[in-house]
Every structure is written in structure tokens, then in C-alpha cells.
Amino acid sequence: MGGGCWPSRKKVKCVASVGTSGTTLAASPKIVAALAKLKPKTLILDGEVAVFGEELVSRFEWLRHLNHGDLATPPLFMVFDLLQLGEKDYRPEPFKVRRKALEKVVKGEKLILAARRLSPNGFAAWAEVLHRGWEGYVGKDPESKYTGGRSLKWLKVKQRDYRVEERGWDSRNKS
């Protein structure tokens, strides 16, 4: 469900990551309207739409059926990174600078949220992931520049076979 959005003038343009549908954000007009109201008008964000259950664990599989009984939130745009703000290209900036600017841009928003920050200590962050029942986390070097694709500066750590049956998809049974 990943991708990015950029409001400019009176439009909001959204693109999906390779292999995702791209329709999730388009089907969330309240998020699109909230993005259109952000200042400045030229803004490029990297994030994804998510909904959460009662335990505030993201449930991407529920995006297909938003009338799910255990839904605790409306669709939210969870923002991971800021790529451009006004005329400034933030990609060459360190992550810690991009994150600070991102938090300022989305401050007070109800449907657009900066992704949760965990402990900078990887072992403590992993313990929180396990304790809260999350899928995993992405550790980012605070000095890293934004680059597309995989990087050793950003490491994604996931629980193996996380909620496979609940999510309605089992890679072990791929045909």
C-alpha cells in the first residue's frame, strides 16, 4: 500500500509503489482533502494508507473492506519521509532534518500522521515490536540521505509469518 503524494496548487497527485494498486488513497477522499489543505502547496511525502484495529495495530488487509467490525480508525495516511517542501528538495538532507520538517508540516493533522518513532536502540525497538504485536520496524540512520530502493542505511526487520492466516495471504501457498 506504499507510495507517495504531493499536493500542488489545487490538485493532489498520488502514486503507488511498484506492485501496489494505487487505488487506496484515491478511495480515501478525506485524506486527499487533508493533503490538499497542507502548506506549502508543493510538498512530496513518502507514506502509505493504513487502518488500525482496537489494539492500534495496522491492519492493511482491512483496507479492502472498510466496514470491518473491529476497525478503530478511519483510513490514515502514515508518512515515513519528506522529499520536498516548497522549492526545497529535502532528499539530500539527513533523515533527522527531514523528520523534523515532516513533523512540523503534519502537526495537528488528524488523518495525516508521521509514522511512530521507536527507541534508537535496535534491541529495545525490537522488544517493543514484539510486545505490541507489530509486524516489524524500519531502522533508519539519522544521518542518511533519501535514496530510492534498498539501502544499508535503512533496515527493515519483520517477524516471520506475521499474522499470515489473519491477513488472508500466505506466501507459502503461492501458486
C-alpha atoms as a PDB file:
ATOM      1  CA  MET A   1       0.000   0.000   0.000  1.00  0.00           C
ATOM      2  CA  GLY A   2       3.059   2.234  -0.130  1.00  0.00           C
ATOM      3  CA  GLY A   3       3.560   5.203  -2.358  1.00  0.00           C
ATOM      4  CA  GLY A   4       3.694   8.931  -2.194  1.00  0.00           C
ATOM      5  CA  CYS A   5       1.591  12.050  -2.626  1.00  0.00           C
ATOM      6  CA  TRP A   6       2.219  15.598  -3.487  1.00  0.00           C
ATOM      7  CA  PRO A   7      -0.274  18.416  -3.234  1.00  0.00           C
ATOM      8  CA  SER A   8       0.338  21.261  -5.691  1.00  0.00           C
ATOM      9  CA  ARG A   9      -1.947  24.213  -6.245  1.00  0.00           C
ATOM     10  CA  LYS A  10      -5.469  22.745  -6.330  1.00  0.00           C
ATOM     11  CA  LYS A  11      -4.571  19.105  -7.049  1.00  0.00           C
ATOM     12  CA  VAL A  12      -3.195  16.183  -5.092  1.00  0.00           C
ATOM     13  CA  LYS A  13      -1.219  13.665  -7.125  1.00  0.00           C
ATOM     14  CA  CYS A  14      -0.609  10.209  -5.664  1.00  0.00           C
ATOM     15  CA  VAL A  15       1.439   7.318  -6.960  1.00  0.00           C
ATOM     16  CA  ALA A  16       1.740   3.778  -5.700  1.00  0.00           C
ATOM     17  CA  SER A  17       4.902   1.779  -5.251  1.00  0.00           C
ATOM     18  CA  VAL A  18       5.605  -0.844  -7.857  1.00  0.00           C
ATOM     19  CA  GLY A  19       3.327  -3.809  -7.270  1.00  0.00           C
ATOM     20  CA  THR A  20       0.623  -1.936  -5.336  1.00  0.00           C
ATOM     21  CA  SER A  21      -2.783  -0.900  -6.569  1.00  0.00           C
ATOM     22  CA  GLY A  22      -2.630   2.870  -6.142  1.00  0.00           C
ATOM     23  CA  THR A  23      -6.384   2.962  -5.602  1.00  0.00           C
ATOM     24  CA  THR A  24      -6.300   3.026  -1.792  1.00  0.00           C
ATOM     25  CA  LEU A  25      -5.569   6.735  -1.493  1.00  0.00           C
ATOM     26  CA  ALA A  26      -7.893   7.619  -4.339  1.00  0.00           C
ATOM     27  CA  ALA A  27     -10.628   5.788  -2.420  1.00  0.00           C
ATOM     28  CA  SER A  28      -9.898   7.948   0.660  1.00  0.00           C
ATOM     29  CA  PRO A  29     -11.275  11.377  -0.311  1.00  0.00           C
ATOM     30  CA  LYS A  30     -10.948  12.734   3.239  1.00  0.00           C
ATOM     31  CA  ILE A  31      -7.197  12.063   3.195  1.00  0.00           C
ATOM     32  CA  VAL A  32      -6.864  13.655  -0.238  1.00  0.00           C
ATOM     33  CA  ALA A  33      -8.769  16.718   1.022  1.00  0.00           C
ATOM     34  CA  ALA A  34      -6.497  16.932   4.094  1.00  0.00           C
ATOM     35  CA  LEU A  35      -3.406  16.702   1.869  1.00  0.00           C
ATOM     36  CA  ALA A  36      -4.747  19.488  -0.352  1.00  0.00           C
ATOM     37  CA  LYS A  37      -5.001  21.803   2.679  1.00  0.00           C
ATOM     38  CA  LEU A  38      -1.378  21.340   3.780  1.00  0.00           C
ATOM     39  CA  LYS A  39       1.020  24.251   3.438  1.00  0.00           C
ATOM     40  CA  PRO A  40       3.046  24.882   1.353  1.00  0.00           C
ATOM     41  CA  LYS A  41       1.261  23.837  -1.786  1.00  0.00           C
ATOM     42  CA  THR A  42       4.284  21.999  -3.202  1.00  0.00           C
ATOM     43  CA  LEU A  43       5.013  19.036  -0.985  1.00  0.00           C
ATOM     44  CA  ILE A  44       6.186  15.483  -1.701  1.00  0.00           C
ATOM     45  CA  LEU A  45       5.617  12.875   1.013  1.00  0.00           C
ATOM     46  CA  ASP A  46       6.515   9.184   1.190  1.00  0.00           C
ATOM     47  CA  GLY A  47       3.944   7.108   3.074  1.00  0.00           C
ATOM     48  CA  GLU A  48       1.057   4.670   2.963  1.00  0.00           C
ATOM     49  CA  VAL A  49      -2.600   4.444   3.865  1.00  0.00           C
ATOM     50  CA  ALA A  50      -3.393   2.300   6.897  1.00  0.00           C
ATOM     51  CA  VAL A  51      -6.265   1.441   9.199  1.00  0.00           C
ATOM     52  CA  PHE A  52      -5.895   0.164  12.742  1.00  0.00           C
ATOM     53  CA  GLY A  53      -7.701  -2.329  14.938  1.00  0.00           C
ATOM     54  CA  GLU A  54      -8.654  -1.820  18.587  1.00  0.00           C
ATOM     55  CA  GLU A  55      -5.100  -2.590  19.766  1.00  0.00           C
ATOM     56  CA  LEU A  56      -3.808   0.087  17.344  1.00  0.00           C
ATOM     57  CA  VAL A  57      -2.047  -2.493  15.195  1.00  0.00           C
ATOM     58  CA  SER A  58      -2.173  -1.678  11.471  1.00  0.00           C
ATOM     59  CA  ARG A  59      -4.484  -3.945   9.508  1.00  0.00           C
ATOM     60  CA  PHE A  60      -3.738  -3.393   5.822  1.00  0.00           C
ATOM     61  CA  GLU A  61      -5.924  -6.318   4.819  1.00  0.00           C
ATOM     62  CA  TRP A  62      -8.946  -4.396   6.139  1.00  0.00           C
ATOM     63  CA  LEU A  63      -8.434  -1.662   3.539  1.00  0.00           C
ATOM     64  CA  ARG A  64     -10.271  -3.971   1.134  1.00  0.00           C
ATOM     65  CA  HIS A  65     -13.334  -3.937   3.408  1.00  0.00           C
ATOM     66  CA  LEU A  66     -13.589  -0.705   5.396  1.00  0.00           C
ATOM     67  CA  ASN A  67     -16.821  -1.829   7.050  1.00  0.00           C
ATOM     68  CA  HIS A  68     -14.887  -4.314   9.204  1.00  0.00           C
ATOM     69  CA  GLY A  69     -16.425  -4.513  12.702  1.00  0.00           C
ATOM     70  CA  ASP A  70     -13.153  -4.216  14.632  1.00  0.00           C
ATOM     71  CA  LEU A  71     -11.964  -1.093  12.810  1.00  0.00           C
ATOM     72  CA  ALA A  72     -10.777   1.514  15.339  1.00  0.00           C
ATOM     73  CA  THR A  73      -9.623   4.281  12.967  1.00  0.00           C
ATOM     74  CA  PRO A  74     -10.613   5.740   9.647  1.00  0.00           C
ATOM     75  CA  PRO A  75      -8.064   5.362   6.850  1.00  0.00           C
ATOM     76  CA  LEU A  76      -4.957   7.363   7.809  1.00  0.00           C
ATOM     77  CA  PHE A  77      -2.012   8.475   5.679  1.00  0.00           C
ATOM     78  CA  MET A  78       1.066   7.366   7.618  1.00  0.00           C
ATOM     79  CA  VAL A  79       4.020   9.426   6.405  1.00  0.00           C
ATOM     80  CA  PHE A  80       7.536   7.983   6.578  1.00  0.00           C
ATOM     81  CA  ASP A  81       9.527  10.732   4.953  1.00  0.00           C
ATOM     82  CA  LEU A  82       9.541  14.204   3.415  1.00  0.00           C
ATOM     83  CA  LEU A  83      11.107  14.581  -0.029  1.00  0.00           C
ATOM     84  CA  GLN A  84      10.204  18.140  -0.993  1.00  0.00           C
ATOM     85  CA  LEU A  85       8.804  21.137   0.871  1.00  0.00           C
ATOM     86  CA  GLY A  86       8.083  24.234  -1.191  1.00  0.00           C
ATOM     87  CA  GLU A  87      11.009  24.773  -3.528  1.00  0.00           C
ATOM     88  CA  LYS A  88      13.453  22.864  -1.295  1.00  0.00           C
ATOM     89  CA  ASP A  89      14.493  19.332  -2.227  1.00  0.00           C
ATOM     90  CA  TYR A  90      14.944  17.531   1.094  1.00  0.00           C
ATOM     91  CA  ARG A  91      16.329  14.264  -0.340  1.00  0.00           C
ATOM     92  CA  PRO A  92      19.995  15.260   0.172  1.00  0.00           C
ATOM     93  CA  GLU A  93      19.293  16.270   3.791  1.00  0.00           C
ATOM     94  CA  PRO A  94      19.936  13.851   6.672  1.00  0.00           C
ATOM     95  CA  PHE A  95      16.891  11.878   7.849  1.00  0.00           C
ATOM     96  CA  LYS A  96      16.878  13.725  11.194  1.00  0.00           C
ATOM     97  CA  VAL A  97      16.434  17.052   9.341  1.00  0.00           C
ATOM     98  CA  ARG A  98      13.730  15.631   7.042  1.00  0.00           C
ATOM     99  CA  ARG A  99      11.899  14.116  10.020  1.00  0.00           C
ATOM    100  CA  LYS A 100      11.879  17.400  11.962  1.00  0.00           C
ATOM    101  CA  ALA A 101      10.485  19.263   8.933  1.00  0.00           C
ATOM    102  CA  LEU A 102       7.903  16.489   8.347  1.00  0.00           C
ATOM    103  CA  GLU A 103       6.656  16.650  11.943  1.00  0.00           C
ATOM    104  CA  LYS A 104       6.196  20.407  11.593  1.00  0.00           C
ATOM    105  CA  VAL A 105       4.212  20.029   8.339  1.00  0.00           C
ATOM    106  CA  VAL A 106       1.761  17.426   9.701  1.00  0.00           C
ATOM    107  CA  LYS A 107       1.460  18.846  13.245  1.00  0.00           C
ATOM    108  CA  GLY A 108      -2.181  18.935  14.308  1.00  0.00           C
ATOM    109  CA  GLU A 109      -3.422  16.843  11.377  1.00  0.00           C
ATOM    110  CA  LYS A 110      -5.939  14.118  12.181  1.00  0.00           C
ATOM    111  CA  LEU A 111      -5.719  11.976   9.016  1.00  0.00           C
ATOM    112  CA  ILE A 112      -2.059  12.561   8.090  1.00  0.00           C
ATOM    113  CA  LEU A 113       0.400  11.351  10.707  1.00  0.00           C
ATOM    114  CA  ALA A 114       4.159  10.949  10.878  1.00  0.00           C
ATOM    115  CA  ALA A 115       4.984   7.261  11.405  1.00  0.00           C
ATOM    116  CA  ARG A 116       5.694   6.318  15.010  1.00  0.00           C
ATOM    117  CA  ARG A 117       9.293   6.611  16.263  1.00  0.00           C
ATOM    118  CA  LEU A 118      10.780   3.799  18.339  1.00  0.00           C
ATOM    119  CA  SER A 119      13.857   3.672  20.530  1.00  0.00           C
ATOM    120  CA  PRO A 120      17.136   4.386  18.691  1.00  0.00           C
ATOM    121  CA  ASN A 121      18.443   1.222  20.378  1.00  0.00           C
ATOM    122  CA  GLY A 122      17.629  -1.628  17.969  1.00  0.00           C
ATOM    123  CA  PHE A 123      17.180  -4.246  20.711  1.00  0.00           C
ATOM    124  CA  ALA A 124      14.789  -2.008  22.659  1.00  0.00           C
ATOM    125  CA  ALA A 125      12.867  -1.178  19.458  1.00  0.00           C
ATOM    126  CA  TRP A 126      12.544  -4.893  18.610  1.00  0.00           C
ATOM    127  CA  ALA A 127      11.330  -5.666  22.144  1.00  0.00           C
ATOM    128  CA  GLU A 128       8.591  -3.041  21.713  1.00  0.00           C
ATOM    129  CA  VAL A 129       7.623  -4.514  18.327  1.00  0.00           C
ATOM    130  CA  LEU A 130       7.198  -7.956  19.911  1.00  0.00           C
ATOM    131  CA  HIS A 131       5.412  -6.625  22.998  1.00  0.00           C
ATOM    132  CA  ARG A 132       2.864  -4.623  20.987  1.00  0.00           C
ATOM    133  CA  GLY A 133       2.306  -7.305  18.348  1.00  0.00           C
ATOM    134  CA  TRP A 134       3.537  -5.233  15.405  1.00  0.00           C
ATOM    135  CA  GLU A 135       4.759  -6.695  12.130  1.00  0.00           C
ATOM    136  CA  GLY A 136       8.213  -5.135  12.375  1.00  0.00           C
ATOM    137  CA  TYR A 137      10.017  -1.840  12.016  1.00  0.00           C
ATOM    138  CA  VAL A 138      12.392   0.097   9.779  1.00  0.00           C
ATOM    139  CA  GLY A 139      15.570   1.342  11.409  1.00  0.00           C
ATOM    140  CA  LYS A 140      16.902   4.484   9.719  1.00  0.00           C
ATOM    141  CA  ASP A 141      20.315   6.039  10.164  1.00  0.00           C
ATOM    142  CA  PRO A 142      19.557   9.621  11.304  1.00  0.00           C
ATOM    143  CA  GLU A 143      22.392  10.886   9.065  1.00  0.00           C
ATOM    144  CA  SER A 144      21.149   9.089   5.912  1.00  0.00           C
ATOM    145  CA  LYS A 145      20.090  10.878   2.747  1.00  0.00           C
ATOM    146  CA  TYR A 146      16.904   9.814   0.973  1.00  0.00           C
ATOM    147  CA  THR A 147      17.551   7.236  -1.725  1.00  0.00           C
ATOM    148  CA  GLY A 148      15.069   5.139  -3.643  1.00  0.00           C
ATOM    149  CA  GLY A 149      15.272   1.377  -3.334  1.00  0.00           C
ATOM    150  CA  ARG A 150      17.087  -0.681  -0.720  1.00  0.00           C
ATOM    151  CA  SER A 151      19.875   0.723   1.403  1.00  0.00           C
ATOM    152  CA  LEU A 152      22.016  -0.429   4.312  1.00  0.00           C
ATOM    153  CA  LYS A 153      21.160   2.913   5.932  1.00  0.00           C
ATOM    154  CA  TRP A 154      17.508   1.795   6.283  1.00  0.00           C
ATOM    155  CA  LEU A 155      16.946  -1.716   7.557  1.00  0.00           C
ATOM    156  CA  LYS A 156      13.527  -3.352   7.603  1.00  0.00           C
ATOM    157  CA  VAL A 157      13.112  -6.032  10.281  1.00  0.00           C
ATOM    158  CA  LYS A 158       9.928  -8.141  10.216  1.00  0.00           C
ATOM    159  CA  GLN A 159       8.510 -11.041  12.183  1.00  0.00           C
ATOM    160  CA  ARG A 160       8.477 -14.215  10.125  1.00  0.00           C
ATOM    161  CA  ASP A 161       4.971 -15.356   9.069  1.00  0.00           C
ATOM    162  CA  TYR A 162       3.369 -12.419  10.897  1.00  0.00           C
ATOM    163  CA  ARG A 163      -0.423 -12.990  11.171  1.00  0.00           C
ATOM    164  CA  VAL A 164      -0.357 -14.963   7.914  1.00  0.00           C
ATOM    165  CA  GLU A 165      -3.770 -16.541   8.321  1.00  0.00           C
ATOM    166  CA  GLU A 166      -5.459 -13.355   9.603  1.00  0.00           C
ATOM    167  CA  ARG A 167      -4.177 -11.302   6.706  1.00  0.00           C
ATOM    168  CA  GLY A 168      -5.664 -13.608   4.098  1.00  0.00           C
ATOM    169  CA  TRP A 169      -2.388 -14.186   2.295  1.00  0.00           C
ATOM    170  CA  ASP A 170       0.090 -16.981   2.725  1.00  0.00           C
ATOM    171  CA  SER A 171       3.270 -16.828   0.652  1.00  0.00           C
ATOM    172  CA  ARG A 172       3.900 -20.485   1.456  1.00  0.00           C
ATOM    173  CA  ASN A 173       0.839 -21.436  -0.636  1.00  0.00           C
ATOM    174  CA  LYS A 174       1.645 -19.312  -3.694  1.00  0.00           C
ATOM    175  CA  SER A 175       0.785 -20.976  -6.981  1.00  0.00           C
END
